[in-house]
Amino acid sequence: MSNAGTPVRDTLDDKVNRLFAGKVVRKDLVRKVKVGANVPVFVLEFLLGKYCASSDEMAIHMGLQVVNETLASEQLHPARRVREGAE
């Protein structure tokens, strides 16, 4: 890991991303998103694999925005879950 907290990428990382597009998940991103999300890890890994499987930092940043927006819009808060379940 580098000093800024971003993992150092090498040619193997780029090759794996190219060969397994959409299936490579950076675990540091899972930990970063998991802190604020109350969802199972496999859901986070799916979303990160779909939107953040890239070696381009800008694409990863844009993908993280999509993942966070998706989680915010689709997640029911516990109070809302009780009210909607009662109806």
Protein backbone atom coordinates (compact mmCIF):
# COMPACT_ATOMS: atom_id res chain seq x y z
CA MET A 1 0.00 0.00 0.00
CA SER A 2 1.18 3.48 -0.68
CA ASN A 3 1.22 6.28 1.85
CA ALA A 4 -2.09 7.70 0.59
CA GLY A 5 -3.92 4.43 1.29
CA THR A 6 -4.32 3.54 -2.38
CA PRO A 7 -2.83 0.16 -3.31
CA VAL A 8 0.10 0.17 -5.71
CA ARG A 9 -0.96 -1.27 -9.06
CA ASP A 10 1.33 -3.32 -11.27
CA THR A 11 1.08 -5.02 -14.66
CA LEU A 12 -0.47 -8.15 -13.11
CA ASP A 13 -3.33 -6.06 -11.71
CA ASP A 14 -3.93 -4.55 -15.13
CA LYS A 15 -3.84 -7.96 -16.82
CA VAL A 16 -6.29 -9.47 -14.30
CA ASN A 17 -8.64 -6.49 -14.75
CA ARG A 18 -8.50 -6.93 -18.52
CA LEU A 19 -9.02 -10.72 -18.51
CA PHE A 20 -11.67 -10.80 -15.78
CA ALA A 21 -13.51 -7.57 -16.52
CA GLY A 22 -16.32 -6.95 -14.06
CA LYS A 23 -15.22 -9.72 -11.71
CA VAL A 24 -12.23 -8.16 -9.95
CA VAL A 25 -13.06 -6.50 -6.65
CA ARG A 26 -10.61 -4.40 -4.69
CA LYS A 27 -11.03 -5.36 -1.05
CA ASP A 28 -9.92 -1.92 0.11
CA LEU A 29 -12.95 -0.48 -1.67
CA VAL A 30 -15.21 -3.05 0.01
CA ARG A 31 -13.90 -1.96 3.42
CA LYS A 32 -14.27 1.72 2.46
CA VAL A 33 -17.93 1.34 1.41
CA LYS A 34 -18.84 -1.18 4.12
CA VAL A 35 -18.20 1.39 6.87
CA GLY A 36 -21.32 3.37 5.99
CA ALA A 37 -23.48 0.64 4.47
CA ASN A 38 -25.65 -1.88 6.26
CA VAL A 39 -25.71 -4.45 3.45
CA PRO A 40 -24.13 -7.89 3.02
CA VAL A 41 -20.58 -7.95 1.68
CA PHE A 42 -21.60 -9.95 -1.41
CA VAL A 43 -23.91 -7.09 -2.44
CA LEU A 44 -21.05 -4.60 -2.12
CA GLU A 45 -18.72 -6.91 -4.06
CA PHE A 46 -21.29 -7.26 -6.83
CA LEU A 47 -21.78 -3.50 -7.14
CA LEU A 48 -18.06 -2.77 -6.94
CA GLY A 49 -17.32 -5.45 -9.53
CA LYS A 50 -19.95 -3.94 -11.80
CA TYR A 51 -18.98 -0.27 -11.45
CA CYS A 52 -15.39 -0.14 -10.13
CA ALA A 53 -13.57 -2.97 -11.94
CA SER A 54 -11.01 -0.75 -13.62
CA SER A 55 -7.40 0.32 -13.30
CA ASP A 56 -8.33 3.96 -13.99
CA GLU A 57 -8.63 5.91 -10.73
CA MET A 58 -11.16 8.35 -12.23
CA ALA A 59 -13.38 5.45 -13.35
CA ILE A 60 -13.12 3.94 -9.87
CA HIS A 61 -14.06 7.26 -8.27
CA MET A 62 -17.08 7.64 -10.59
CA GLY A 63 -18.04 4.01 -9.91
CA LEU A 64 -17.90 4.60 -6.16
CA GLN A 65 -20.31 7.49 -6.57
CA VAL A 66 -22.73 5.22 -8.44
CA VAL A 67 -22.39 2.49 -5.80
CA ASN A 68 -23.02 4.93 -2.94
CA GLU A 69 -26.02 6.47 -4.73
CA THR A 70 -27.42 3.01 -5.44
CA LEU A 71 -27.05 1.96 -1.83
CA ALA A 72 -28.61 5.19 -0.59
CA SER A 73 -31.62 4.98 -2.92
CA GLU A 74 -32.32 1.25 -2.53
CA GLN A 75 -31.70 0.78 1.16
CA LEU A 76 -34.59 0.94 3.59
CA HIS A 77 -33.84 2.34 7.00
CA PRO A 78 -35.01 0.20 9.96
CA ALA A 79 -37.82 2.64 10.87
CA ARG A 80 -39.15 2.64 7.30
CA ARG A 81 -38.93 -1.15 7.14
CA VAL A 82 -41.23 -1.50 10.14
CA ARG A 83 -43.78 1.00 8.76
CA GLU A 84 -43.83 -0.52 5.29
CA GLY A 85 -44.07 -4.04 6.70
CA ALA A 86 -47.11 -3.07 8.77
CA GLU A 87 -49.06 -1.73 5.80
